[in-house]
C-alpha atoms as a PDB file:
ATOM      1  CA  UNK A   1       6.364 -22.592  -6.384  1.00  0.00           C
ATOM      2  CA  UNK A   2       6.591 -24.004  -2.859  1.00  0.00           C
ATOM      3  CA  UNK A   3       3.651 -25.203  -0.746  1.00  0.00           C
ATOM      4  CA  UNK A   4       4.003 -24.822   3.025  1.00  0.00           C
ATOM      5  CA  UNK A   5       0.420 -25.210   4.292  1.00  0.00           C
ATOM      6  CA  UNK A   6      -2.790 -26.941   3.231  1.00  0.00           C
ATOM      7  CA  UNK A   7      -4.121 -25.239   0.145  1.00  0.00           C
ATOM      8  CA  UNK A   8      -7.388 -25.161  -1.787  1.00  0.00           C
ATOM      9  CA  UNK A   9      -8.759 -22.992  -4.580  1.00  0.00           C
ATOM     10  CA  UNK A  10     -10.155 -19.755  -3.121  1.00  0.00           C
ATOM     11  CA  UNK A  11     -13.297 -17.818  -4.004  1.00  0.00           C
ATOM     12  CA  UNK A  12     -11.828 -14.335  -3.462  1.00  0.00           C
ATOM     13  CA  UNK A  13      -8.388 -12.892  -4.162  1.00  0.00           C
ATOM     14  CA  UNK A  14      -7.042  -9.969  -2.155  1.00  0.00           C
ATOM     15  CA  UNK A  15      -3.840  -8.438  -3.464  1.00  0.00           C
ATOM     16  CA  UNK A  16      -1.298  -6.085  -1.942  1.00  0.00           C
ATOM     17  CA  UNK A  17      -0.198  -3.276  -4.285  1.00  0.00           C
ATOM     18  CA  UNK A  18       3.244  -1.861  -3.395  1.00  0.00           C
ATOM     19  CA  UNK A  19       6.153  -4.246  -4.053  1.00  0.00           C
ATOM     20  CA  UNK A  20       3.735  -6.967  -5.104  1.00  0.00           C
ATOM     21  CA  UNK A  21       2.444  -5.637  -8.428  1.00  0.00           C
ATOM     22  CA  UNK A  22       5.393  -3.313  -9.065  1.00  0.00           C
ATOM     23  CA  UNK A  23       8.712  -2.189  -7.595  1.00  0.00           C
ATOM     24  CA  UNK A  24       7.627   0.529  -5.184  1.00  0.00           C
ATOM     25  CA  UNK A  25      11.077   1.685  -4.065  1.00  0.00           C
ATOM     26  CA  UNK A  26      11.861   3.960  -7.021  1.00  0.00           C
ATOM     27  CA  UNK A  27       8.260   5.225  -7.081  1.00  0.00           C
ATOM     28  CA  UNK A  28       8.336   6.402  -3.460  1.00  0.00           C
ATOM     29  CA  UNK A  29      11.871   7.793  -3.759  1.00  0.00           C
ATOM     30  CA  UNK A  30      10.841   9.924  -6.746  1.00  0.00           C
ATOM     31  CA  UNK A  31       7.682  11.186  -5.030  1.00  0.00           C
ATOM     32  CA  UNK A  32       9.520  11.965  -1.772  1.00  0.00           C
ATOM     33  CA  UNK A  33      12.223  13.899  -3.597  1.00  0.00           C
ATOM     34  CA  UNK A  34       9.624  15.819  -5.605  1.00  0.00           C
ATOM     35  CA  UNK A  35       7.523  16.888  -2.635  1.00  0.00           C
ATOM     36  CA  UNK A  36      10.435  17.755  -0.331  1.00  0.00           C
ATOM     37  CA  UNK A  37      11.965  19.900  -3.052  1.00  0.00           C
ATOM     38  CA  UNK A  38       8.639  21.594  -3.791  1.00  0.00           C
ATOM     39  CA  UNK A  39       7.914  22.370  -0.136  1.00  0.00           C
ATOM     40  CA  UNK A  40      11.398  23.658   0.583  1.00  0.00           C
ATOM     41  CA  UNK A  41      11.855  25.722  -2.556  1.00  0.00           C
ATOM     42  CA  UNK A  42       8.348  27.175  -2.833  1.00  0.00           C
ATOM     43  CA  UNK A  43       7.242  27.518   0.788  1.00  0.00           C
ATOM     44  CA  UNK A  44      10.211  27.401   3.175  1.00  0.00           C
ATOM     45  CA  UNK A  45      13.766  28.714   2.806  1.00  0.00           C
ATOM     46  CA  UNK A  46      14.279  28.127  -0.921  1.00  0.00           C
ATOM     47  CA  UNK A  47      16.178  24.862  -0.589  1.00  0.00           C
ATOM     48  CA  UNK A  48      15.050  21.236  -0.414  1.00  0.00           C
ATOM     49  CA  UNK A  49      13.295  20.294   2.819  1.00  0.00           C
ATOM     50  CA  UNK A  50      15.769  18.320   4.915  1.00  0.00           C
ATOM     51  CA  UNK A  51      15.016  14.746   5.858  1.00  0.00           C
ATOM     52  CA  UNK A  52      15.846  15.514   9.491  1.00  0.00           C
ATOM     53  CA  UNK A  53      13.233  18.296   9.704  1.00  0.00           C
ATOM     54  CA  UNK A  54      10.633  16.186   7.921  1.00  0.00           C
ATOM     55  CA  UNK A  55      11.073  13.242  10.284  1.00  0.00           C
ATOM     56  CA  UNK A  56      11.189  15.506  13.329  1.00  0.00           C
ATOM     57  CA  UNK A  57       7.777  16.915  12.396  1.00  0.00           C
ATOM     58  CA  UNK A  58       6.539  13.410  11.571  1.00  0.00           C
ATOM     59  CA  UNK A  59       7.535  12.221  15.033  1.00  0.00           C
ATOM     60  CA  UNK A  60       5.788  15.190  16.606  1.00  0.00           C
ATOM     61  CA  UNK A  61       2.560  14.434  14.724  1.00  0.00           C
ATOM     62  CA  UNK A  62       2.626  10.790  15.814  1.00  0.00           C
ATOM     63  CA  UNK A  63       3.260  11.788  19.424  1.00  0.00           C
ATOM     64  CA  UNK A  64       0.186  14.014  19.336  1.00  0.00           C
ATOM     65  CA  UNK A  65      -1.998  11.575  17.383  1.00  0.00           C
ATOM     66  CA  UNK A  66      -0.594   7.992  17.305  1.00  0.00           C
ATOM     67  CA  UNK A  67      -3.534   6.667  15.251  1.00  0.00           C
ATOM     68  CA  UNK A  68      -2.225   8.640  12.259  1.00  0.00           C
ATOM     69  CA  UNK A  69       0.202   5.751  11.800  1.00  0.00           C
ATOM     70  CA  UNK A  70      -2.704   3.900  10.193  1.00  0.00           C
ATOM     71  CA  UNK A  71      -3.409   6.657   7.649  1.00  0.00           C
ATOM     72  CA  UNK A  72      -0.297   7.613   5.705  1.00  0.00           C
ATOM     73  CA  UNK A  73      -2.144  10.224   3.630  1.00  0.00           C
ATOM     74  CA  UNK A  74      -3.583  12.035   6.650  1.00  0.00           C
ATOM     75  CA  UNK A  75      -0.213  11.850   8.391  1.00  0.00           C
ATOM     76  CA  UNK A  76       1.496  13.496   5.426  1.00  0.00           C
ATOM     77  CA  UNK A  77      -1.215  16.145   5.289  1.00  0.00           C
ATOM     78  CA  UNK A  78      -0.622  17.127   8.915  1.00  0.00           C
ATOM     79  CA  UNK A  79       3.156  17.117   8.399  1.00  0.00           C
ATOM     80  CA  UNK A  80       2.757  19.503   5.464  1.00  0.00           C
ATOM     81  CA  UNK A  81       0.331  21.687   7.442  1.00  0.00           C
ATOM     82  CA  UNK A  82       2.696  21.861  10.425  1.00  0.00           C
ATOM     83  CA  UNK A  83       5.633  22.834   8.195  1.00  0.00           C
ATOM     84  CA  UNK A  84       3.595  25.538   6.487  1.00  0.00           C
ATOM     85  CA  UNK A  85       2.240  26.905   9.754  1.00  0.00           C
ATOM     86  CA  UNK A  86       5.767  26.987  11.118  1.00  0.00           C
ATOM     87  CA  UNK A  87       6.852  29.060   8.128  1.00  0.00           C
ATOM     88  CA  UNK A  88       4.340  31.765   9.006  1.00  0.00           C
ATOM     89  CA  UNK A  89       1.265  30.780   6.994  1.00  0.00           C
ATOM     90  CA  UNK A  90      -2.132  31.274   8.559  1.00  0.00           C
ATOM     91  CA  UNK A  91      -4.025  28.150   9.548  1.00  0.00           C
ATOM     92  CA  UNK A  92      -6.434  28.542   6.614  1.00  0.00           C
ATOM     93  CA  UNK A  93      -3.611  29.031   4.109  1.00  0.00           C
ATOM     94  CA  UNK A  94      -1.667  26.113   5.587  1.00  0.00           C
ATOM     95  CA  UNK A  95      -4.715  23.824   5.263  1.00  0.00           C
ATOM     96  CA  UNK A  96      -5.311  24.832   1.650  1.00  0.00           C
ATOM     97  CA  UNK A  97      -1.675  24.496   0.636  1.00  0.00           C
ATOM     98  CA  UNK A  98      -1.317  21.163   2.461  1.00  0.00           C
ATOM     99  CA  UNK A  99      -4.281  19.803   0.505  1.00  0.00           C
ATOM    100  CA  UNK A 100      -2.671  20.968  -2.746  1.00  0.00           C
ATOM    101  CA  UNK A 101       0.625  19.337  -1.759  1.00  0.00           C
ATOM    102  CA  UNK A 102      -1.124  16.057  -0.948  1.00  0.00           C
ATOM    103  CA  UNK A 103      -2.806  16.101  -4.344  1.00  0.00           C
ATOM    104  CA  UNK A 104       0.580  16.667  -5.981  1.00  0.00           C
ATOM    105  CA  UNK A 105       2.260  13.956  -3.930  1.00  0.00           C
ATOM    106  CA  UNK A 106      -0.356  11.304  -4.672  1.00  0.00           C
ATOM    107  CA  UNK A 107      -0.302  12.197  -8.372  1.00  0.00           C
ATOM    108  CA  UNK A 108       3.475  11.743  -8.573  1.00  0.00           C
ATOM    109  CA  UNK A 109       3.384   8.744  -6.233  1.00  0.00           C
ATOM    110  CA  UNK A 110       0.828   7.094  -8.531  1.00  0.00           C
ATOM    111  CA  UNK A 111       2.903   7.478 -11.695  1.00  0.00           C
ATOM    112  CA  UNK A 112       3.540   3.753 -11.755  1.00  0.00           C
ATOM    113  CA  UNK A 113       4.452   1.630 -14.729  1.00  0.00           C
ATOM    114  CA  UNK A 114       2.875  -1.671 -13.796  1.00  0.00           C
ATOM    115  CA  UNK A 115       4.503  -4.352 -15.995  1.00  0.00           C
ATOM    116  CA  UNK A 116       2.387  -5.469 -18.928  1.00  0.00           C
ATOM    117  CA  UNK A 117       2.748  -9.093 -17.840  1.00  0.00           C
ATOM    118  CA  UNK A 118       1.353  -8.234 -14.402  1.00  0.00           C
ATOM    119  CA  UNK A 119      -1.662  -6.518 -15.946  1.00  0.00           C
ATOM    120  CA  UNK A 120      -2.261  -9.505 -18.212  1.00  0.00           C
ATOM    121  CA  UNK A 121      -2.194 -11.864 -15.218  1.00  0.00           C
ATOM    122  CA  UNK A 122      -4.649  -9.701 -13.280  1.00  0.00           C
ATOM    123  CA  UNK A 123      -7.042  -9.453 -16.219  1.00  0.00           C
ATOM    124  CA  UNK A 124      -6.997 -13.243 -16.664  1.00  0.00           C
ATOM    125  CA  UNK A 125      -7.612 -13.866 -12.979  1.00  0.00           C
ATOM    126  CA  UNK A 126     -10.450 -11.345 -12.892  1.00  0.00           C
ATOM    127  CA  UNK A 127     -12.421 -13.524 -15.300  1.00  0.00           C
ATOM    128  CA  UNK A 128     -12.614 -16.204 -12.601  1.00  0.00           C
ATOM    129  CA  UNK A 129     -12.300 -14.387  -9.275  1.00  0.00           C
ATOM    130  CA  UNK A 130     -13.399 -11.183  -7.600  1.00  0.00           C
ATOM    131  CA  UNK A 131     -10.226  -9.236  -6.797  1.00  0.00           C
ATOM    132  CA  UNK A 132      -9.882  -6.662  -4.022  1.00  0.00           C
ATOM    133  CA  UNK A 133      -6.733  -4.629  -3.436  1.00  0.00           C
ATOM    134  CA  UNK A 134      -5.528  -4.189   0.161  1.00  0.00           C
ATOM    135  CA  UNK A 135      -2.920  -1.514   0.770  1.00  0.00           C
ATOM    136  CA  UNK A 136      -1.290   0.301   3.653  1.00  0.00           C
ATOM    137  CA  UNK A 137      -0.066   2.890   1.162  1.00  0.00           C
ATOM    138  CA  UNK A 138      -1.760   5.659  -0.784  1.00  0.00           C
ATOM    139  CA  UNK A 139      -1.106   4.888  -4.430  1.00  0.00           C
ATOM    140  CA  UNK A 140      -4.155   5.454  -6.609  1.00  0.00           C
ATOM    141  CA  UNK A 141      -4.775   2.637  -9.136  1.00  0.00           C
ATOM    142  CA  UNK A 142      -7.059   4.938 -11.133  1.00  0.00           C
ATOM    143  CA  UNK A 143      -4.289   7.494 -11.653  1.00  0.00           C
ATOM    144  CA  UNK A 144      -1.837   4.688 -12.356  1.00  0.00           C
ATOM    145  CA  UNK A 145      -4.235   3.205 -14.913  1.00  0.00           C
ATOM    146  CA  UNK A 146      -4.793  -0.285 -13.518  1.00  0.00           C
ATOM    147  CA  UNK A 147      -7.984   0.243 -11.518  1.00  0.00           C
ATOM    148  CA  UNK A 148      -9.958  -1.974 -13.922  1.00  0.00           C
ATOM    149  CA  UNK A 149      -8.009  -4.962 -12.582  1.00  0.00           C
ATOM    150  CA  UNK A 150      -9.873  -4.698  -9.254  1.00  0.00           C
ATOM    151  CA  UNK A 151     -13.453  -4.948  -8.111  1.00  0.00           C
ATOM    152  CA  UNK A 152     -12.552  -2.747  -5.150  1.00  0.00           C
ATOM    153  CA  UNK A 153      -9.545  -1.369  -3.249  1.00  0.00           C
ATOM    154  CA  UNK A 154      -9.352  -0.957   0.525  1.00  0.00           C
ATOM    155  CA  UNK A 155      -6.899   1.583   1.922  1.00  0.00           C
ATOM    156  CA  UNK A 156      -5.839   1.707   5.551  1.00  0.00           C
ATOM    157  CA  UNK A 157      -6.953   4.756   7.503  1.00  0.00           C
ATOM    158  CA  UNK A 158      -7.862   6.052  10.926  1.00  0.00           C
ATOM    159  CA  UNK A 159     -10.957   3.830  10.950  1.00  0.00           C
ATOM    160  CA  UNK A 160      -9.363   1.003   8.954  1.00  0.00           C
ATOM    161  CA  UNK A 161      -6.257  -0.333  10.730  1.00  0.00           C
ATOM    162  CA  UNK A 162      -3.358  -1.197   8.455  1.00  0.00           C
ATOM    163  CA  UNK A 163      -2.137  -4.741   7.859  1.00  0.00           C
ATOM    164  CA  UNK A 164      -1.210  -6.954   9.726  1.00  0.00           C
ATOM    165  CA  UNK A 165      -4.385  -6.051  11.634  1.00  0.00           C
ATOM    166  CA  UNK A 166      -7.123  -8.406  10.346  1.00  0.00           C
ATOM    167  CA  UNK A 167      -9.651  -5.640   9.666  1.00  0.00           C
ATOM    168  CA  UNK A 168      -8.969  -5.197   5.939  1.00  0.00           C
ATOM    169  CA  UNK A 169      -8.975  -8.949   5.295  1.00  0.00           C
ATOM    170  CA  UNK A 170     -12.290  -9.334   7.099  1.00  0.00           C
ATOM    171  CA  UNK A 171     -13.758  -6.311   5.324  1.00  0.00           C
ATOM    172  CA  UNK A 172     -12.831  -7.779   1.941  1.00  0.00           C
ATOM    173  CA  UNK A 173     -14.476 -11.115   2.802  1.00  0.00           C
ATOM    174  CA  UNK A 174     -17.618  -9.282   3.878  1.00  0.00           C
ATOM    175  CA  UNK A 175     -17.701  -7.208   0.678  1.00  0.00           C
ATOM    176  CA  UNK A 176     -17.404 -10.347  -1.461  1.00  0.00           C
ATOM    177  CA  UNK A 177     -19.719 -12.374   0.797  1.00  0.00           C
ATOM    178  CA  UNK A 178     -17.294 -15.278   1.149  1.00  0.00           C
ATOM    179  CA  UNK A 179     -15.990 -17.201   4.156  1.00  0.00           C
ATOM    180  CA  UNK A 180     -12.537 -16.251   5.426  1.00  0.00           C
ATOM    181  CA  UNK A 181     -11.214 -19.734   4.651  1.00  0.00           C
ATOM    182  CA  UNK A 182     -12.048 -19.114   0.980  1.00  0.00           C
ATOM    183  CA  UNK A 183     -10.000 -15.911   0.754  1.00  0.00           C
ATOM    184  CA  UNK A 184      -6.467 -15.928  -0.651  1.00  0.00           C
ATOM    185  CA  UNK A 185      -4.235 -12.921  -0.036  1.00  0.00           C
ATOM    186  CA  UNK A 186      -1.260 -12.279  -2.324  1.00  0.00           C
ATOM    187  CA  UNK A 187       1.511 -10.067  -1.018  1.00  0.00           C
ATOM    188  CA  UNK A 188       5.230  -9.625  -0.501  1.00  0.00           C
ATOM    189  CA  UNK A 189       5.792  -8.654   3.131  1.00  0.00           C
ATOM    190  CA  UNK A 190       6.343 -11.212   5.882  1.00  0.00           C
ATOM    191  CA  UNK A 191       4.688  -9.091   8.556  1.00  0.00           C
ATOM    192  CA  UNK A 192       1.950  -7.066   6.886  1.00  0.00           C
ATOM    193  CA  UNK A 193       0.915  -9.677   4.328  1.00  0.00           C
ATOM    194  CA  UNK A 194       1.818 -13.141   5.612  1.00  0.00           C
ATOM    195  CA  UNK A 195       1.310 -12.549   9.334  1.00  0.00           C
ATOM    196  CA  UNK A 196      -1.745 -10.425   8.609  1.00  0.00           C
ATOM    197  CA  UNK A 197      -3.359 -13.077   6.431  1.00  0.00           C
ATOM    198  CA  UNK A 198      -2.584 -15.990   8.751  1.00  0.00           C
ATOM    199  CA  UNK A 199      -3.900 -14.116  11.808  1.00  0.00           C
ATOM    200  CA  UNK A 200      -7.023 -13.104   9.877  1.00  0.00           C
ATOM    201  CA  UNK A 201      -7.768 -16.735   9.011  1.00  0.00           C
ATOM    202  CA  UNK A 202      -7.207 -16.462   5.264  1.00  0.00           C
ATOM    203  CA  UNK A 203      -4.786 -18.220   2.929  1.00  0.00           C
ATOM    204  CA  UNK A 204      -1.671 -16.404   1.777  1.00  0.00           C
ATOM    205  CA  UNK A 205       0.571 -16.516  -1.279  1.00  0.00           C
ATOM    206  CA  UNK A 206       3.891 -14.743  -0.920  1.00  0.00           C
ATOM    207  CA  UNK A 207       5.192 -13.235  -4.164  1.00  0.00           C
ATOM    208  CA  UNK A 208       8.903 -12.371  -3.996  1.00  0.00           C
ATOM    209  CA  UNK A 209       9.414 -10.718  -7.375  1.00  0.00           C
ATOM    210  CA  UNK A 210      10.235  -7.303  -5.880  1.00  0.00           C
ATOM    211  CA  UNK A 211      10.856  -8.084  -2.211  1.00  0.00           C
ATOM    212  CA  UNK A 212      13.192 -10.731  -0.891  1.00  0.00           C
ATOM    213  CA  UNK A 213      13.935 -11.093   2.816  1.00  0.00           C
ATOM    214  CA  UNK A 214      17.627 -11.210   3.712  1.00  0.00           C
ATOM    215  CA  UNK A 215      16.938 -13.860   6.343  1.00  0.00           C
ATOM    216  CA  UNK A 216      14.741 -16.932   6.376  1.00  0.00           C
ATOM    217  CA  UNK A 217      11.036 -16.436   6.875  1.00  0.00           C
ATOM    218  CA  UNK A 218       9.805 -16.842  10.429  1.00  0.00           C
ATOM    219  CA  UNK A 219       6.171 -17.035   9.316  1.00  0.00           C
ATOM    220  CA  UNK A 220       5.376 -19.354   6.443  1.00  0.00           C
ATOM    221  CA  UNK A 221       2.708 -18.554   3.850  1.00  0.00           C
ATOM    222  CA  UNK A 222       0.514 -21.219   2.333  1.00  0.00           C
ATOM    223  CA  UNK A 223       2.394 -20.902  -0.970  1.00  0.00           C
ATOM    224  CA  UNK A 224       5.489 -19.015  -2.100  1.00  0.00           C
ATOM    225  CA  UNK A 225       6.081 -17.929  -5.695  1.00  0.00           C
ATOM    226  CA  UNK A 226       8.917 -16.008  -7.338  1.00  0.00           C
ATOM    227  CA  UNK A 227       6.931 -14.340 -10.109  1.00  0.00           C
ATOM    228  CA  UNK A 228       3.360 -13.179 -10.486  1.00  0.00           C
ATOM    229  CA  UNK A 229       2.942 -15.279 -13.641  1.00  0.00           C
ATOM    230  CA  UNK A 230       2.956 -18.395 -11.407  1.00  0.00           C
ATOM    231  CA  UNK A 231      -0.495 -17.364 -10.156  1.00  0.00           C
ATOM    232  CA  UNK A 232      -1.947 -18.606 -13.419  1.00  0.00           C
ATOM    233  CA  UNK A 233      -0.823 -22.179 -12.779  1.00  0.00           C
ATOM    234  CA  UNK A 234      -1.777 -21.958  -9.117  1.00  0.00           C
ATOM    235  CA  UNK A 235      -5.259 -20.470  -9.486  1.00  0.00           C
ATOM    236  CA  UNK A 236      -6.559 -21.429 -12.935  1.00  0.00           C
END
Protein backbone atom coordinates (compact mmCIF):
# COMPACT_ATOMS: atom_id res chain seq x y z
CA UNK A 1 0.00 0.00 0.00
CA UNK A 2 1.50 3.30 -1.15
CA UNK A 3 0.16 6.77 -0.31
CA UNK A 4 0.74 9.49 -2.91
CA UNK A 5 -1.72 12.23 -1.88
CA UNK A 6 -3.41 13.49 1.28
CA UNK A 7 -5.90 10.90 2.43
CA UNK A 8 -8.82 10.75 4.85
CA UNK A 9 -11.57 8.23 5.52
CA UNK A 10 -14.38 8.71 2.98
CA UNK A 11 -18.15 8.59 3.44
CA UNK A 12 -18.95 6.98 0.07
CA UNK A 13 -17.15 4.32 -1.96
CA UNK A 14 -17.51 4.17 -5.73
CA UNK A 15 -16.04 1.09 -7.38
CA UNK A 16 -15.19 0.25 -10.97
CA UNK A 17 -16.29 -3.25 -12.03
CA UNK A 18 -14.25 -4.61 -14.97
CA UNK A 19 -10.62 -5.45 -14.13
CA UNK A 20 -11.10 -4.14 -10.61
CA UNK A 21 -13.37 -6.78 -9.08
CA UNK A 22 -12.47 -9.52 -11.56
CA UNK A 23 -10.28 -10.25 -14.58
CA UNK A 24 -12.41 -8.93 -17.43
CA UNK A 25 -10.18 -10.01 -20.32
CA UNK A 26 -11.30 -13.65 -20.53
CA UNK A 27 -14.92 -12.63 -19.89
CA UNK A 28 -15.05 -10.23 -22.84
CA UNK A 29 -13.09 -12.58 -25.11
CA UNK A 30 -15.58 -15.39 -24.45
CA UNK A 31 -18.60 -13.14 -25.02
CA UNK A 32 -17.14 -11.65 -28.21
CA UNK A 33 -16.37 -15.08 -29.64
CA UNK A 34 -19.85 -16.33 -28.74
CA UNK A 35 -21.74 -13.45 -30.34
CA UNK A 36 -19.61 -13.23 -33.49
CA UNK A 37 -20.03 -16.95 -34.05
CA UNK A 38 -23.78 -16.77 -33.43
CA UNK A 39 -24.30 -13.83 -35.79
CA UNK A 40 -22.18 -15.30 -38.56
CA UNK A 41 -23.47 -18.86 -38.38
CA UNK A 42 -27.16 -18.13 -37.78
CA UNK A 43 -27.73 -14.88 -39.66
CA UNK A 44 -24.97 -14.21 -42.19
CA UNK A 45 -22.95 -16.60 -44.37
CA UNK A 46 -22.72 -19.58 -42.02
CA UNK A 47 -19.24 -18.82 -40.71
CA UNK A 48 -17.99 -16.73 -37.80
CA UNK A 49 -18.38 -12.98 -38.28
CA UNK A 50 -14.96 -11.58 -39.14
CA UNK A 51 -13.33 -9.05 -36.87
CA UNK A 52 -12.61 -6.81 -39.86
CA UNK A 53 -16.30 -6.62 -40.85
CA UNK A 54 -17.38 -6.06 -37.25
CA UNK A 55 -14.97 -3.16 -36.74
CA UNK A 56 -15.79 -1.68 -40.14
CA UNK A 57 -19.46 -1.51 -39.17
CA UNK A 58 -18.51 -0.21 -35.72
CA UNK A 59 -16.53 2.61 -37.31
CA UNK A 60 -19.45 3.44 -39.57
CA UNK A 61 -21.84 3.65 -36.61
CA UNK A 62 -19.50 5.97 -34.72
CA UNK A 63 -19.08 8.19 -37.77
CA UNK A 64 -22.85 8.56 -38.01
CA UNK A 65 -23.43 8.94 -34.26
CA UNK A 66 -20.21 9.71 -32.28
CA UNK A 67 -22.07 9.88 -28.94
CA UNK A 68 -22.60 6.11 -29.14
CA UNK A 69 -19.03 5.85 -27.85
CA UNK A 70 -20.48 6.58 -24.41
CA UNK A 71 -23.02 3.73 -24.58
CA UNK A 72 -21.37 0.42 -25.42
CA UNK A 73 -24.66 -1.50 -25.28
CA UNK A 74 -26.46 0.83 -27.70
CA UNK A 75 -23.42 0.82 -29.98
CA UNK A 76 -23.43 -2.97 -30.13
CA UNK A 77 -27.17 -2.96 -30.78
CA UNK A 78 -26.77 -0.71 -33.81
CA UNK A 79 -23.82 -2.77 -35.08
CA UNK A 80 -25.95 -5.92 -34.88
CA UNK A 81 -28.89 -4.15 -36.55
CA UNK A 82 -26.69 -2.86 -39.39
CA UNK A 83 -25.24 -6.33 -40.00
CA UNK A 84 -28.69 -7.90 -40.06
CA UNK A 85 -30.11 -5.24 -42.35
CA UNK A 86 -27.16 -5.72 -44.66
CA UNK A 87 -27.93 -9.44 -44.83
CA UNK A 88 -31.40 -8.73 -46.19
CA UNK A 89 -33.55 -8.60 -43.06
CA UNK A 90 -36.33 -6.05 -42.90
CA UNK A 91 -35.87 -3.16 -40.50
CA UNK A 92 -38.43 -4.62 -38.07
CA UNK A 93 -36.81 -8.07 -38.13
CA UNK A 94 -33.34 -6.56 -37.75
CA UNK A 95 -34.48 -4.55 -34.69
CA UNK A 96 -36.05 -7.60 -33.06
CA UNK A 97 -33.09 -9.87 -33.75
CA UNK A 98 -30.59 -7.22 -32.62
CA UNK A 99 -32.43 -6.94 -29.30
CA UNK A 100 -32.28 -10.73 -28.90
CA UNK A 101 -28.56 -10.72 -29.70
CA UNK A 102 -27.91 -7.98 -27.14
CA UNK A 103 -29.75 -9.98 -24.50
CA UNK A 104 -27.61 -13.01 -25.36
CA UNK A 105 -24.40 -11.00 -25.34
CA UNK A 106 -25.03 -9.38 -21.97
CA UNK A 107 -26.03 -12.74 -20.47
CA UNK A 108 -22.78 -14.37 -21.61
CA UNK A 109 -20.76 -11.24 -20.82
CA UNK A 110 -22.15 -11.30 -17.27
CA UNK A 111 -21.16 -14.90 -16.57
CA UNK A 112 -18.47 -13.72 -14.19
CA UNK A 113 -16.91 -15.65 -11.35
CA UNK A 114 -16.10 -12.88 -8.92
CA UNK A 115 -13.54 -14.27 -6.45
CA UNK A 116 -14.98 -15.25 -3.09
CA UNK A 117 -12.41 -13.07 -1.32
CA UNK A 118 -13.54 -10.05 -3.34
CA UNK A 119 -17.17 -10.66 -2.40
CA UNK A 120 -16.21 -11.01 1.26
CA UNK A 121 -14.35 -7.68 1.15
CA UNK A 122 -17.31 -5.92 -0.47
CA UNK A 123 -19.78 -7.34 2.05
CA UNK A 124 -17.57 -6.18 4.95
CA UNK A 125 -17.19 -2.70 3.51
CA UNK A 126 -20.92 -2.41 2.87
CA UNK A 127 -21.54 -2.60 6.61
CA UNK A 128 -19.75 0.74 7.01
CA UNK A 129 -20.10 2.54 3.67
CA UNK A 130 -22.63 3.07 0.91
CA UNK A 131 -21.13 1.54 -2.24
CA UNK A 132 -21.98 2.57 -5.79
CA UNK A 133 -20.58 0.84 -8.86
CA UNK A 134 -19.38 3.03 -11.76
CA UNK A 135 -18.79 1.29 -15.07
CA UNK A 136 -18.15 2.16 -18.69
CA UNK A 137 -19.04 -1.42 -19.57
CA UNK A 138 -22.29 -3.36 -19.68
CA UNK A 139 -21.82 -6.27 -17.30
CA UNK A 140 -24.89 -6.91 -15.17
CA UNK A 141 -24.08 -7.53 -11.47
CA UNK A 142 -27.53 -9.06 -10.98
CA UNK A 143 -26.90 -11.72 -13.62
CA UNK A 144 -23.39 -12.23 -12.26
CA UNK A 145 -24.79 -12.63 -8.74
CA UNK A 146 -22.99 -9.86 -6.87
CA UNK A 147 -25.57 -7.07 -7.08
CA UNK A 148 -26.17 -7.24 -3.31
CA UNK A 149 -22.68 -5.81 -2.80
CA UNK A 150 -23.86 -2.43 -4.14
CA UNK A 151 -26.40 0.16 -3.14
CA UNK A 152 -26.57 1.25 -6.77
CA UNK A 153 -24.71 0.91 -10.09
CA UNK A 154 -24.28 3.69 -12.65
CA UNK A 155 -23.62 2.71 -16.26
CA UNK A 156 -22.34 5.11 -18.89
CA UNK A 157 -24.75 5.93 -21.69
CA UNK A 158 -25.76 8.55 -24.21
CA UNK A 159 -26.92 10.83 -21.38
CA UNK A 160 -24.26 9.67 -18.90
CA UNK A 161 -20.75 10.27 -20.28
CA UNK A 162 -18.25 7.53 -19.56
CA UNK A 163 -15.28 7.95 -17.24
CA UNK A 164 -12.98 9.93 -17.15
CA UNK A 165 -15.78 12.49 -17.57
CA UNK A 166 -16.76 13.61 -14.04
CA UNK A 167 -20.49 13.05 -14.54
CA UNK A 168 -20.73 9.58 -12.97
CA UNK A 169 -18.62 10.58 -9.96
CA UNK A 170 -20.78 13.64 -9.36
CA UNK A 171 -23.98 11.63 -9.84
CA UNK A 172 -22.85 9.11 -7.24
CA UNK A 173 -22.08 11.87 -4.71
CA UNK A 174 -25.51 13.36 -5.32
CA UNK A 175 -27.24 9.99 -4.88
CA UNK A 176 -25.46 9.41 -1.57
CA UNK A 177 -25.80 13.06 -0.49
CA UNK A 178 -22.11 13.46 0.33
CA UNK A 179 -19.52 16.08 -0.60
CA UNK A 180 -17.15 15.20 -3.44
CA UNK A 181 -14.16 15.40 -1.10
CA UNK A 182 -15.70 12.57 0.94
CA UNK A 183 -15.98 10.20 -2.02
CA UNK A 184 -13.35 7.53 -2.67
CA UNK A 185 -13.25 5.83 -6.06
CA UNK A 186 -11.57 2.43 -6.42
CA UNK A 187 -10.48 1.37 -9.88
CA UNK A 188 -7.70 -0.02 -12.03
CA UNK A 189 -7.32 2.26 -15.05
CA UNK A 190 -4.99 5.26 -15.08
CA UNK A 191 -7.19 7.27 -17.43
CA UNK A 192 -10.79 6.31 -16.74
CA UNK A 193 -10.44 5.77 -13.00
CA UNK A 194 -7.51 7.80 -11.69
CA UNK A 195 -7.74 10.78 -14.05
CA UNK A 196 -11.52 10.67 -13.85
CA UNK A 197 -11.56 10.70 -10.06
CA UNK A 198 -8.90 13.40 -9.68
CA UNK A 199 -10.63 15.68 -12.22
CA UNK A 200 -13.98 15.09 -10.52
CA UNK A 201 -12.56 16.18 -7.16
CA UNK A 202 -12.80 12.82 -5.41
CA UNK A 203 -10.16 10.59 -3.83
CA UNK A 204 -8.90 7.57 -5.73
CA UNK A 205 -7.48 4.18 -4.81
CA UNK A 206 -5.82 2.30 -7.64
CA UNK A 207 -6.12 -1.49 -7.36
CA UNK A 208 -3.65 -3.33 -9.61
CA UNK A 209 -4.68 -6.93 -9.02
CA UNK A 210 -5.82 -7.47 -12.62
CA UNK A 211 -4.36 -4.48 -14.46
CA UNK A 212 -0.76 -3.37 -14.34
CA UNK A 213 0.56 -0.58 -16.54
CA UNK A 214 3.70 -1.43 -18.51
CA UNK A 215 5.07 2.06 -17.89
CA UNK A 216 5.13 4.29 -14.84
CA UNK A 217 1.95 6.11 -13.94
CA UNK A 218 1.71 9.67 -15.20
CA UNK A 219 -1.23 10.45 -12.92
CA UNK A 220 -0.90 9.42 -9.29
CA UNK A 221 -3.86 8.19 -7.24
CA UNK A 222 -4.26 9.01 -3.58
CA UNK A 223 -3.40 5.40 -2.67
CA UNK A 224 -2.20 2.38 -4.63
CA UNK A 225 -2.87 -1.21 -3.55
CA UNK A 226 -1.97 -4.55 -5.12
CA UNK A 227 -4.91 -6.57 -3.86
CA UNK A 228 -8.50 -5.78 -2.98
CA UNK A 229 -8.03 -7.28 0.50
CA UNK A 230 -5.88 -4.24 1.38
CA UNK A 231 -9.07 -2.14 1.37
CA UNK A 232 -9.95 -3.62 4.73
CA UNK A 233 -6.86 -2.15 6.40
CA UNK A 234 -7.24 1.11 4.52
CA UNK A 235 -10.94 1.74 5.14
CA UNK A 236 -11.90 -0.07 8.35
